[in-house]
Amino acid sequence: MSTETALFHIVHRLEKSLNHKEIALGAFLDIEGAFDNTSFSAIITAARQRGLEETCCRWVRSMLESRLVYTSIMGSSLTAKVVGGCPRGGVLSLLLWNLVVDRLLTITNDLGFSTFGYADDIVIIIQGKFAHTCREIMQEALNVVVKWALKEGLNISPHKTVIVPFTNRSTTEGLGPLTLYGKELTKLDEVKYVGMTLDSKLNWN
């Protein structure tokens, strides 16, 4: 679907929380080099889990593993075999990544965490009346994300992952620190998601 659809689902959830005078804690995840670092085995495993025919799985694996890259500089050239990632500009690349990341969306949503994804832009939203409860639940969700990333051979950047508390309250007392790989995450009053800036009160200024 479109970026507008992704934005609508998130904003609708946030507005509903604000109307109920709740806190909606948003975690905007940054998956380091999602398309470049995804392993071939993770892609094929995800494809099989989603029911892709074995003939297609073998074809995709062959396509991925047979790629070569060339470079030439100052009269010298080098050829190397690609060992991971989705082809840049490939018509299948987004689909192959979606197969991998869909597992994260399924796991987190099945556990009760509201998780949304558009390509490699992943957002977790935790709503509630009490800031400290939202923080505890969000930390559980982040722990699940880390476990998934380790299994898939990926990494979530603690430095680029952003936490935004969406609320009309004047204070978010009780909202303690959140961590990823033991590193404290940055809390901001606004964040850019699929090209739009979302501020903590959704006043669109």
N, C-alpha and C. Protein backbone atom coordinates (compact mmCIF):
# COMPACT_ATOMS: atom_id res chain seq x y z
N MET A 1 0.84 -1.19 0.00
CA MET A 1 0.00 0.00 0.00
C MET A 1 0.88 1.24 0.00
N SER A 2 0.27 2.40 0.05
CA SER A 2 1.01 3.65 -0.11
C SER A 2 1.52 4.20 1.22
N THR A 3 2.41 5.21 1.13
CA THR A 3 2.88 5.88 2.34
C THR A 3 1.72 6.58 3.03
N GLU A 4 0.75 7.05 2.24
CA GLU A 4 -0.42 7.70 2.84
C GLU A 4 -1.20 6.72 3.72
N THR A 5 -1.31 5.48 3.27
CA THR A 5 -2.00 4.46 4.06
C THR A 5 -1.27 4.19 5.36
N ALA A 6 0.05 4.06 5.27
CA ALA A 6 0.86 3.82 6.47
C ALA A 6 0.72 4.97 7.45
N LEU A 7 0.78 6.19 6.94
CA LEU A 7 0.66 7.38 7.78
C LEU A 7 -0.72 7.46 8.42
N PHE A 8 -1.75 7.13 7.64
CA PHE A 8 -3.12 7.20 8.16
C PHE A 8 -3.30 6.26 9.35
N HIS A 9 -2.82 5.03 9.22
CA HIS A 9 -3.00 4.05 10.30
C HIS A 9 -2.34 4.53 11.60
N ILE A 10 -1.16 5.10 11.49
CA ILE A 10 -0.45 5.55 12.69
C ILE A 10 -1.10 6.79 13.29
N VAL A 11 -1.39 7.77 12.44
CA VAL A 11 -2.01 9.01 12.94
C VAL A 11 -3.38 8.72 13.55
N HIS A 12 -4.14 7.84 12.93
CA HIS A 12 -5.46 7.48 13.47
C HIS A 12 -5.32 6.89 14.87
N ARG A 13 -4.32 6.03 15.05
CA ARG A 13 -4.10 5.42 16.37
C ARG A 13 -3.68 6.48 17.39
N LEU A 14 -2.81 7.39 16.99
CA LEU A 14 -2.34 8.45 17.90
C LEU A 14 -3.47 9.41 18.26
N GLU A 15 -4.26 9.81 17.28
CA GLU A 15 -5.37 10.73 17.54
C GLU A 15 -6.39 10.11 18.48
N LYS A 16 -6.64 8.84 18.31
CA LYS A 16 -7.59 8.14 19.19
C LYS A 16 -7.09 8.16 20.63
N SER A 17 -5.79 7.97 20.79
CA SER A 17 -5.20 7.99 22.13
C SER A 17 -5.28 9.38 22.75
N LEU A 18 -4.97 10.41 21.96
CA LEU A 18 -5.05 11.78 22.46
C LEU A 18 -6.48 12.15 22.85
N ASN A 19 -7.45 11.72 22.07
CA ASN A 19 -8.85 12.01 22.37
C ASN A 19 -9.31 11.37 23.67
N HIS A 20 -8.66 10.25 24.03
CA HIS A 20 -9.00 9.56 25.28
C HIS A 20 -8.11 10.01 26.44
N LYS A 21 -7.34 11.08 26.18
CA LYS A 21 -6.44 11.65 27.20
C LYS A 21 -5.43 10.61 27.71
N GLU A 22 -4.96 9.80 26.79
CA GLU A 22 -3.96 8.79 27.12
C GLU A 22 -2.57 9.25 26.67
N ILE A 23 -1.60 8.43 26.97
CA ILE A 23 -0.25 8.60 26.44
C ILE A 23 -0.05 7.52 25.37
N ALA A 24 0.44 7.94 24.21
CA ALA A 24 0.79 6.99 23.16
C ALA A 24 2.30 7.07 22.97
N LEU A 25 2.97 6.05 23.41
CA LEU A 25 4.43 6.02 23.33
C LEU A 25 4.82 5.39 22.00
N GLY A 26 5.54 6.16 21.18
CA GLY A 26 5.94 5.66 19.87
C GLY A 26 7.43 5.39 19.79
N ALA A 27 7.80 4.21 19.29
CA ALA A 27 9.20 3.87 19.04
C ALA A 27 9.39 3.74 17.54
N PHE A 28 10.21 4.62 16.97
CA PHE A 28 10.47 4.64 15.54
C PHE A 28 11.83 3.99 15.32
N LEU A 29 11.80 2.75 14.83
CA LEU A 29 12.99 1.92 14.77
C LEU A 29 13.82 2.21 13.52
N ASP A 30 15.13 2.09 13.65
CA ASP A 30 16.03 2.21 12.51
C ASP A 30 16.80 0.90 12.36
N ILE A 31 16.47 0.14 11.31
CA ILE A 31 17.15 -1.12 11.03
C ILE A 31 18.35 -0.80 10.14
N GLU A 32 19.54 -1.05 10.65
CA GLU A 32 20.75 -0.67 9.93
C GLU A 32 20.90 -1.46 8.63
N GLY A 33 20.93 -0.74 7.51
CA GLY A 33 21.13 -1.37 6.21
C GLY A 33 20.20 -2.53 5.96
N ALA A 34 18.91 -2.32 6.18
CA ALA A 34 17.95 -3.41 6.09
C ALA A 34 18.06 -4.18 4.78
N PHE A 35 18.04 -3.48 3.66
CA PHE A 35 18.07 -4.14 2.35
C PHE A 35 19.45 -4.73 2.05
N ASP A 36 20.50 -4.09 2.53
CA ASP A 36 21.86 -4.53 2.23
C ASP A 36 22.34 -5.67 3.12
N ASN A 37 21.82 -5.74 4.34
CA ASN A 37 22.36 -6.68 5.33
C ASN A 37 21.52 -7.93 5.55
N THR A 38 20.35 -8.01 4.93
CA THR A 38 19.52 -9.19 5.11
C THR A 38 20.19 -10.40 4.47
N SER A 39 20.30 -11.47 5.21
CA SER A 39 20.98 -12.66 4.69
C SER A 39 20.09 -13.42 3.72
N PHE A 40 20.74 -14.15 2.82
CA PHE A 40 20.00 -14.96 1.85
C PHE A 40 19.18 -16.03 2.56
N SER A 41 19.75 -16.62 3.60
CA SER A 41 19.04 -17.69 4.32
C SER A 41 17.78 -17.16 4.99
N ALA A 42 17.85 -15.92 5.52
CA ALA A 42 16.66 -15.32 6.15
C ALA A 42 15.56 -15.10 5.12
N ILE A 43 15.96 -14.67 3.91
CA ILE A 43 14.98 -14.43 2.85
C ILE A 43 14.30 -15.73 2.43
N ILE A 44 15.10 -16.77 2.19
CA ILE A 44 14.53 -18.04 1.73
C ILE A 44 13.69 -18.70 2.81
N THR A 45 14.15 -18.63 4.06
CA THR A 45 13.36 -19.19 5.16
C THR A 45 12.00 -18.50 5.27
N ALA A 46 12.01 -17.17 5.16
CA ALA A 46 10.75 -16.41 5.23
C ALA A 46 9.84 -16.75 4.06
N ALA A 47 10.42 -16.93 2.88
CA ALA A 47 9.62 -17.27 1.69
C ALA A 47 8.95 -18.63 1.87
N ARG A 48 9.70 -19.59 2.40
CA ARG A 48 9.13 -20.93 2.63
C ARG A 48 8.02 -20.88 3.68
N GLN A 49 8.24 -20.09 4.73
CA GLN A 49 7.23 -19.98 5.79
C GLN A 49 5.93 -19.37 5.28
N ARG A 50 6.04 -18.52 4.26
CA ARG A 50 4.83 -17.91 3.68
C ARG A 50 4.24 -18.73 2.55
N GLY A 51 4.79 -19.93 2.31
CA GLY A 51 4.18 -20.84 1.35
C GLY A 51 4.63 -20.70 -0.08
N LEU A 52 5.74 -19.99 -0.31
CA LEU A 52 6.25 -19.89 -1.68
C LEU A 52 6.71 -21.26 -2.14
N GLU A 53 6.36 -21.64 -3.37
CA GLU A 53 6.70 -22.95 -3.89
C GLU A 53 8.21 -23.15 -3.88
N GLU A 54 8.63 -24.41 -3.63
CA GLU A 54 10.04 -24.72 -3.50
C GLU A 54 10.81 -24.38 -4.77
N THR A 55 10.19 -24.57 -5.93
CA THR A 55 10.86 -24.20 -7.18
C THR A 55 11.19 -22.71 -7.22
N CYS A 56 10.25 -21.89 -6.76
CA CYS A 56 10.47 -20.44 -6.71
C CYS A 56 11.55 -20.09 -5.69
N CYS A 57 11.54 -20.79 -4.56
CA CYS A 57 12.56 -20.54 -3.53
C CYS A 57 13.95 -20.83 -4.07
N ARG A 58 14.10 -21.94 -4.80
CA ARG A 58 15.40 -22.27 -5.37
C ARG A 58 15.81 -21.26 -6.43
N TRP A 59 14.84 -20.78 -7.20
CA TRP A 59 15.13 -19.77 -8.23
C TRP A 59 15.60 -18.47 -7.58
N VAL A 60 14.91 -18.05 -6.53
CA VAL A 60 15.28 -16.81 -5.84
C VAL A 60 16.67 -16.95 -5.22
N ARG A 61 16.94 -18.08 -4.56
CA ARG A 61 18.25 -18.30 -3.97
C ARG A 61 19.34 -18.26 -5.04
N SER A 62 19.10 -18.90 -6.18
CA SER A 62 20.08 -18.89 -7.26
C SER A 62 20.32 -17.46 -7.76
N MET A 63 19.24 -16.70 -7.90
CA MET A 63 19.36 -15.31 -8.36
C MET A 63 20.18 -14.48 -7.38
N LEU A 64 19.94 -14.67 -6.10
CA LEU A 64 20.65 -13.90 -5.08
C LEU A 64 22.12 -14.28 -5.00
N GLU A 65 22.39 -15.59 -5.01
CA GLU A 65 23.76 -16.07 -4.78
C GLU A 65 24.65 -15.97 -6.02
N SER A 66 24.05 -15.78 -7.19
CA SER A 66 24.84 -15.73 -8.42
C SER A 66 25.29 -14.32 -8.79
N ARG A 67 24.93 -13.35 -8.01
CA ARG A 67 25.27 -11.96 -8.37
C ARG A 67 26.75 -11.66 -8.15
N LEU A 68 27.28 -10.87 -9.06
CA LEU A 68 28.66 -10.39 -8.97
C LEU A 68 28.65 -8.88 -9.06
N VAL A 69 29.60 -8.26 -8.39
CA VAL A 69 29.76 -6.80 -8.50
C VAL A 69 31.14 -6.51 -9.07
N TYR A 70 31.21 -5.46 -9.87
CA TYR A 70 32.46 -5.08 -10.52
C TYR A 70 32.82 -3.65 -10.16
N THR A 71 34.09 -3.39 -10.02
CA THR A 71 34.54 -2.01 -9.85
C THR A 71 35.87 -1.85 -10.57
N SER A 72 36.09 -0.65 -11.06
CA SER A 72 37.33 -0.35 -11.77
C SER A 72 37.78 1.05 -11.40
N ILE A 73 39.07 1.17 -11.03
CA ILE A 73 39.60 2.47 -10.65
C ILE A 73 41.08 2.54 -11.03
N MET A 74 41.43 3.59 -11.71
CA MET A 74 42.82 3.86 -12.10
C MET A 74 43.47 2.65 -12.77
N GLY A 75 42.74 2.04 -13.69
CA GLY A 75 43.28 0.94 -14.48
C GLY A 75 43.21 -0.42 -13.82
N SER A 76 42.81 -0.48 -12.56
CA SER A 76 42.68 -1.76 -11.87
C SER A 76 41.21 -2.11 -11.70
N SER A 77 40.88 -3.36 -11.84
CA SER A 77 39.48 -3.79 -11.70
C SER A 77 39.39 -4.93 -10.68
N LEU A 78 38.20 -5.07 -10.13
CA LEU A 78 37.97 -6.08 -9.11
C LEU A 78 36.57 -6.65 -9.28
N THR A 79 36.45 -7.95 -9.14
CA THR A 79 35.16 -8.63 -9.18
C THR A 79 34.95 -9.35 -7.86
N ALA A 80 33.76 -9.23 -7.30
CA ALA A 80 33.46 -9.87 -6.02
C ALA A 80 32.07 -10.48 -6.05
N LYS A 81 31.90 -11.54 -5.29
CA LYS A 81 30.61 -12.19 -5.19
C LYS A 81 29.80 -11.56 -4.06
N VAL A 82 28.52 -11.31 -4.33
CA VAL A 82 27.64 -10.73 -3.32
C VAL A 82 27.25 -11.81 -2.32
N VAL A 83 27.37 -11.52 -1.03
CA VAL A 83 27.11 -12.54 -0.01
C VAL A 83 25.87 -12.23 0.84
N GLY A 84 25.17 -11.16 0.54
CA GLY A 84 23.97 -10.84 1.31
C GLY A 84 23.24 -9.66 0.72
N GLY A 85 22.03 -9.44 1.19
CA GLY A 85 21.27 -8.28 0.78
C GLY A 85 20.37 -8.51 -0.42
N CYS A 86 19.44 -7.57 -0.64
CA CYS A 86 18.54 -7.59 -1.78
C CYS A 86 19.14 -6.73 -2.89
N PRO A 87 18.97 -7.12 -4.14
CA PRO A 87 19.53 -6.34 -5.25
C PRO A 87 19.01 -4.91 -5.27
N ARG A 88 19.92 -3.94 -5.37
CA ARG A 88 19.53 -2.54 -5.46
C ARG A 88 18.75 -2.30 -6.75
N GLY A 89 17.53 -1.77 -6.62
CA GLY A 89 16.72 -1.49 -7.80
C GLY A 89 16.00 -2.69 -8.36
N GLY A 90 16.19 -3.86 -7.72
CA GLY A 90 15.54 -5.07 -8.21
C GLY A 90 14.04 -5.04 -7.97
N VAL A 91 13.28 -5.55 -8.94
CA VAL A 91 11.81 -5.50 -8.81
C VAL A 91 11.31 -6.40 -7.68
N LEU A 92 12.11 -7.40 -7.29
CA LEU A 92 11.70 -8.31 -6.22
C LEU A 92 12.19 -7.86 -4.84
N SER A 93 13.10 -6.88 -4.80
CA SER A 93 13.80 -6.56 -3.54
C SER A 93 12.85 -6.19 -2.42
N LEU A 94 11.89 -5.33 -2.70
CA LEU A 94 10.96 -4.90 -1.64
C LEU A 94 10.13 -6.07 -1.15
N LEU A 95 9.68 -6.92 -2.06
CA LEU A 95 8.90 -8.10 -1.67
C LEU A 95 9.73 -9.03 -0.79
N LEU A 96 11.00 -9.25 -1.18
CA LEU A 96 11.86 -10.16 -0.40
C LEU A 96 12.09 -9.61 1.00
N TRP A 97 12.30 -8.30 1.12
CA TRP A 97 12.47 -7.69 2.45
C TRP A 97 11.18 -7.79 3.25
N ASN A 98 10.05 -7.53 2.58
CA ASN A 98 8.76 -7.60 3.28
C ASN A 98 8.51 -8.99 3.87
N LEU A 99 8.95 -10.03 3.15
CA LEU A 99 8.79 -11.39 3.66
C LEU A 99 9.55 -11.57 4.98
N VAL A 100 10.74 -10.97 5.05
CA VAL A 100 11.57 -11.09 6.25
C VAL A 100 10.98 -10.29 7.40
N VAL A 101 10.67 -9.02 7.15
CA VAL A 101 10.23 -8.13 8.23
C VAL A 101 8.80 -8.44 8.67
N ASP A 102 8.03 -9.10 7.81
CA ASP A 102 6.66 -9.45 8.18
C ASP A 102 6.62 -10.32 9.43
N ARG A 103 7.68 -11.12 9.60
CA ARG A 103 7.74 -11.97 10.80
C ARG A 103 7.80 -11.12 12.07
N LEU A 104 8.53 -10.01 12.02
CA LEU A 104 8.60 -9.11 13.17
C LEU A 104 7.24 -8.51 13.47
N LEU A 105 6.54 -8.05 12.43
CA LEU A 105 5.21 -7.47 12.62
C LEU A 105 4.25 -8.49 13.22
N THR A 106 4.33 -9.73 12.72
CA THR A 106 3.44 -10.78 13.21
C THR A 106 3.72 -11.11 14.68
N ILE A 107 5.01 -11.28 15.01
CA ILE A 107 5.38 -11.63 16.38
C ILE A 107 4.93 -10.56 17.37
N THR A 108 5.27 -9.30 17.08
CA THR A 108 4.97 -8.22 18.02
C THR A 108 3.46 -7.97 18.15
N ASN A 109 2.74 -8.02 17.03
CA ASN A 109 1.29 -7.79 17.11
C ASN A 109 0.59 -8.95 17.80
N ASP A 110 1.07 -10.16 17.60
CA ASP A 110 0.47 -11.32 18.30
C ASP A 110 0.67 -11.22 19.81
N LEU A 111 1.74 -10.55 20.23
CA LEU A 111 2.01 -10.37 21.66
C LEU A 111 1.27 -9.16 22.23
N GLY A 112 0.52 -8.45 21.39
CA GLY A 112 -0.29 -7.33 21.87
C GLY A 112 0.34 -5.97 21.69
N PHE A 113 1.51 -5.90 21.03
CA PHE A 113 2.14 -4.61 20.76
C PHE A 113 1.66 -4.12 19.39
N SER A 114 1.22 -2.88 19.31
CA SER A 114 0.75 -2.34 18.03
C SER A 114 1.96 -1.93 17.18
N THR A 115 2.23 -2.71 16.15
CA THR A 115 3.40 -2.48 15.32
C THR A 115 2.98 -2.26 13.88
N PHE A 116 3.57 -1.24 13.26
CA PHE A 116 3.24 -0.89 11.88
C PHE A 116 4.54 -0.86 11.07
N GLY A 117 4.43 -1.20 9.80
CA GLY A 117 5.62 -1.19 8.97
C GLY A 117 5.34 -0.73 7.57
N TYR A 118 6.25 0.07 7.04
CA TYR A 118 6.24 0.41 5.62
C TYR A 118 7.69 0.28 5.15
N ALA A 119 7.95 -0.77 4.34
CA ALA A 119 9.33 -1.10 3.96
C ALA A 119 10.16 -1.30 5.23
N ASP A 120 11.22 -0.50 5.40
CA ASP A 120 12.05 -0.68 6.61
C ASP A 120 11.74 0.37 7.67
N ASP A 121 10.64 1.10 7.52
CA ASP A 121 10.21 2.06 8.55
C ASP A 121 9.23 1.37 9.49
N ILE A 122 9.72 0.97 10.65
CA ILE A 122 8.92 0.21 11.61
C ILE A 122 8.59 1.08 12.82
N VAL A 123 7.33 1.06 13.24
CA VAL A 123 6.88 1.86 14.37
C VAL A 123 6.10 0.98 15.35
N ILE A 124 6.43 1.11 16.63
CA ILE A 124 5.67 0.44 17.70
C ILE A 124 4.97 1.52 18.51
N ILE A 125 3.68 1.34 18.77
CA ILE A 125 2.91 2.31 19.56
C ILE A 125 2.28 1.60 20.75
N ILE A 126 2.55 2.12 21.93
CA ILE A 126 1.96 1.60 23.17
C ILE A 126 1.09 2.70 23.78
N GLN A 127 -0.17 2.39 24.03
CA GLN A 127 -1.11 3.37 24.57
C GLN A 127 -1.51 3.01 25.99
N GLY A 128 -1.81 4.05 26.78
CA GLY A 128 -2.28 3.79 28.14
C GLY A 128 -2.46 5.06 28.92
N LYS A 129 -3.03 4.91 30.11
CA LYS A 129 -3.28 6.05 31.00
C LYS A 129 -2.05 6.42 31.81
N PHE A 130 -1.19 5.43 32.07
CA PHE A 130 -0.07 5.66 32.98
C PHE A 130 1.25 5.54 32.24
N ALA A 131 2.08 6.56 32.39
CA ALA A 131 3.35 6.64 31.67
C ALA A 131 4.27 5.48 32.01
N HIS A 132 4.36 5.14 33.31
CA HIS A 132 5.30 4.10 33.71
C HIS A 132 4.89 2.73 33.16
N THR A 133 3.58 2.49 33.04
CA THR A 133 3.10 1.23 32.48
C THR A 133 3.42 1.16 30.99
N CYS A 134 3.21 2.27 30.29
CA CYS A 134 3.54 2.32 28.86
C CYS A 134 5.03 2.06 28.64
N ARG A 135 5.85 2.62 29.53
CA ARG A 135 7.29 2.43 29.39
C ARG A 135 7.67 0.96 29.58
N GLU A 136 7.08 0.31 30.58
CA GLU A 136 7.40 -1.09 30.85
C GLU A 136 6.99 -1.98 29.67
N ILE A 137 5.81 -1.72 29.12
CA ILE A 137 5.34 -2.52 27.98
C ILE A 137 6.21 -2.27 26.76
N MET A 138 6.59 -1.00 26.54
CA MET A 138 7.44 -0.68 25.40
C MET A 138 8.80 -1.36 25.51
N GLN A 139 9.34 -1.42 26.73
CA GLN A 139 10.63 -2.08 26.91
C GLN A 139 10.53 -3.57 26.57
N GLU A 140 9.41 -4.18 26.93
CA GLU A 140 9.18 -5.58 26.55
C GLU A 140 9.16 -5.73 25.04
N ALA A 141 8.48 -4.80 24.36
CA ALA A 141 8.40 -4.84 22.90
C ALA A 141 9.78 -4.68 22.27
N LEU A 142 10.58 -3.77 22.80
CA LEU A 142 11.92 -3.55 22.27
C LEU A 142 12.79 -4.79 22.47
N ASN A 143 12.62 -5.47 23.58
CA ASN A 143 13.37 -6.71 23.83
C ASN A 143 13.02 -7.78 22.79
N VAL A 144 11.75 -7.84 22.41
CA VAL A 144 11.31 -8.78 21.37
C VAL A 144 11.95 -8.42 20.03
N VAL A 145 12.02 -7.12 19.74
CA VAL A 145 12.64 -6.65 18.48
C VAL A 145 14.11 -7.05 18.42
N VAL A 146 14.81 -6.86 19.53
CA VAL A 146 16.24 -7.22 19.57
C VAL A 146 16.41 -8.71 19.34
N LYS A 147 15.57 -9.52 19.95
CA LYS A 147 15.65 -10.98 19.79
C LYS A 147 15.43 -11.36 18.33
N TRP A 148 14.44 -10.72 17.67
CA TRP A 148 14.18 -10.99 16.25
C TRP A 148 15.37 -10.58 15.40
N ALA A 149 15.93 -9.39 15.67
CA ALA A 149 17.05 -8.88 14.88
C ALA A 149 18.26 -9.81 14.98
N LEU A 150 18.55 -10.28 16.18
CA LEU A 150 19.68 -11.19 16.36
C LEU A 150 19.47 -12.49 15.59
N LYS A 151 18.25 -12.99 15.60
CA LYS A 151 17.95 -14.23 14.89
C LYS A 151 18.12 -14.05 13.39
N GLU A 152 17.76 -12.87 12.87
CA GLU A 152 17.83 -12.63 11.43
C GLU A 152 19.18 -12.07 11.00
N GLY A 153 20.10 -11.88 11.94
CA GLY A 153 21.41 -11.35 11.59
C GLY A 153 21.38 -9.87 11.27
N LEU A 154 20.42 -9.16 11.82
CA LEU A 154 20.27 -7.72 11.58
C LEU A 154 20.57 -6.94 12.86
N ASN A 155 20.62 -5.63 12.74
CA ASN A 155 20.90 -4.79 13.90
C ASN A 155 19.99 -3.57 13.90
N ILE A 156 19.43 -3.25 15.05
CA ILE A 156 18.62 -2.03 15.22
C ILE A 156 19.53 -0.96 15.81
N SER A 157 19.63 0.18 15.17
CA SER A 157 20.54 1.23 15.63
C SER A 157 19.96 1.96 16.84
N PRO A 158 20.60 1.87 18.02
CA PRO A 158 20.12 2.61 19.19
C PRO A 158 20.26 4.12 19.01
N HIS A 159 21.24 4.54 18.20
CA HIS A 159 21.49 5.97 18.03
C HIS A 159 20.48 6.64 17.10
N LYS A 160 19.88 5.86 16.20
CA LYS A 160 18.92 6.43 15.25
C LYS A 160 17.48 6.07 15.58
N THR A 161 17.28 5.15 16.51
CA THR A 161 15.93 4.82 16.96
C THR A 161 15.44 5.92 17.90
N VAL A 162 14.21 6.37 17.68
CA VAL A 162 13.68 7.54 18.41
C VAL A 162 12.41 7.16 19.17
N ILE A 163 12.30 7.68 20.40
CA ILE A 163 11.09 7.52 21.21
C ILE A 163 10.37 8.86 21.29
N VAL A 164 9.06 8.85 20.98
CA VAL A 164 8.26 10.07 21.07
C VAL A 164 7.02 9.78 21.91
N PRO A 165 6.83 10.49 23.04
CA PRO A 165 5.59 10.35 23.81
C PRO A 165 4.53 11.31 23.27
N PHE A 166 3.49 10.77 22.67
CA PHE A 166 2.41 11.59 22.12
C PHE A 166 1.35 11.77 23.20
N THR A 167 1.16 13.01 23.65
CA THR A 167 0.19 13.29 24.70
C THR A 167 -0.07 14.78 24.78
N ASN A 168 -1.24 15.13 25.26
CA ASN A 168 -1.57 16.54 25.51
C ASN A 168 -1.26 16.96 26.94
N ARG A 169 -0.76 16.03 27.72
CA ARG A 169 -0.42 16.36 29.11
C ARG A 169 0.81 17.26 29.14
N SER A 170 0.88 18.07 30.17
CA SER A 170 2.01 19.00 30.29
C SER A 170 3.28 18.30 30.74
N THR A 171 3.15 17.10 31.32
CA THR A 171 4.31 16.37 31.78
C THR A 171 4.11 14.87 31.56
N THR A 172 5.19 14.16 31.39
CA THR A 172 5.14 12.70 31.26
C THR A 172 5.90 12.08 32.43
N GLU A 173 5.57 12.56 33.62
CA GLU A 173 6.22 12.07 34.83
C GLU A 173 6.02 10.56 34.96
N GLY A 174 7.08 9.87 35.27
CA GLY A 174 7.02 8.42 35.39
C GLY A 174 7.52 7.71 34.15
N LEU A 175 7.77 8.48 33.09
CA LEU A 175 8.26 7.87 31.86
C LEU A 175 9.78 7.80 31.91
N GLY A 176 10.27 6.68 32.42
CA GLY A 176 11.71 6.50 32.59
C GLY A 176 12.40 6.17 31.28
N PRO A 177 13.69 5.88 31.34
CA PRO A 177 14.47 5.60 30.12
C PRO A 177 14.11 4.26 29.49
N LEU A 178 14.27 4.19 28.17
CA LEU A 178 14.10 2.96 27.42
C LEU A 178 15.43 2.60 26.78
N THR A 179 15.74 1.32 26.70
CA THR A 179 17.05 0.92 26.22
C THR A 179 16.95 -0.08 25.07
N LEU A 180 18.00 -0.09 24.27
CA LEU A 180 18.15 -1.04 23.17
C LEU A 180 19.59 -1.51 23.19
N TYR A 181 19.81 -2.81 23.33
CA TYR A 181 21.16 -3.35 23.49
C TYR A 181 21.88 -2.71 24.68
N GLY A 182 21.12 -2.33 25.71
CA GLY A 182 21.72 -1.73 26.89
C GLY A 182 22.01 -0.25 26.76
N LYS A 183 21.67 0.36 25.62
CA LYS A 183 21.94 1.79 25.41
C LYS A 183 20.63 2.57 25.47
N GLU A 184 20.67 3.69 26.19
CA GLU A 184 19.46 4.49 26.36
C GLU A 184 19.05 5.15 25.06
N LEU A 185 17.76 5.09 24.75
CA LEU A 185 17.24 5.67 23.52
C LEU A 185 16.90 7.14 23.71
N THR A 186 16.99 7.89 22.63
CA THR A 186 16.71 9.32 22.65
C THR A 186 15.21 9.57 22.63
N LYS A 187 14.74 10.46 23.50
CA LYS A 187 13.34 10.89 23.49
C LYS A 187 13.26 12.27 22.82
N LEU A 188 12.35 12.41 21.88
CA LEU A 188 12.17 13.67 21.15
C LEU A 188 10.72 14.10 21.20
N ASP A 189 10.49 15.37 20.85
CA ASP A 189 9.12 15.90 20.79
C ASP A 189 8.52 15.75 19.40
N GLU A 190 9.33 15.34 18.44
CA GLU A 190 8.81 15.14 17.09
C GLU A 190 9.70 14.17 16.34
N VAL A 191 9.15 13.61 15.25
CA VAL A 191 9.90 12.65 14.45
C VAL A 191 9.36 12.71 13.02
N LYS A 192 10.21 12.41 12.05
CA LYS A 192 9.77 12.35 10.66
C LYS A 192 9.50 10.90 10.29
N TYR A 193 8.30 10.65 9.76
CA TYR A 193 7.91 9.31 9.36
C TYR A 193 7.33 9.38 7.95
N VAL A 194 7.86 8.58 7.05
CA VAL A 194 7.50 8.56 5.63
C VAL A 194 7.29 9.97 5.07
N GLY A 195 8.20 10.87 5.42
CA GLY A 195 8.19 12.21 4.84
C GLY A 195 7.39 13.24 5.59
N MET A 196 6.67 12.84 6.63
CA MET A 196 5.86 13.79 7.40
C MET A 196 6.40 13.92 8.82
N THR A 197 6.39 15.14 9.34
CA THR A 197 6.83 15.37 10.71
C THR A 197 5.64 15.24 11.66
N LEU A 198 5.79 14.33 12.62
CA LEU A 198 4.76 14.12 13.64
C LEU A 198 5.27 14.69 14.95
N ASP A 199 4.58 15.70 15.48
CA ASP A 199 4.99 16.26 16.77
C ASP A 199 4.18 15.62 17.88
N SER A 200 4.64 15.77 19.10
CA SER A 200 4.09 15.02 20.23
C SER A 200 2.62 15.34 20.53
N LYS A 201 2.13 16.48 20.05
CA LYS A 201 0.73 16.85 20.29
C LYS A 201 -0.11 16.80 19.00
N LEU A 202 0.53 16.39 17.92
CA LEU A 202 -0.14 16.31 16.60
C LEU A 202 -0.86 17.60 16.25
N ASN A 203 -0.18 18.75 16.47
CA ASN A 203 -0.81 20.02 16.11
C ASN A 203 -0.39 20.49 14.72
N TRP A 204 0.51 19.70 14.07
CA TRP A 204 0.90 19.94 12.66
C TRP A 204 1.53 21.31 12.44
N ASN A 205 2.17 21.85 13.47
CA ASN A 205 2.86 23.12 13.30
C ASN A 205 4.24 22.93 12.66
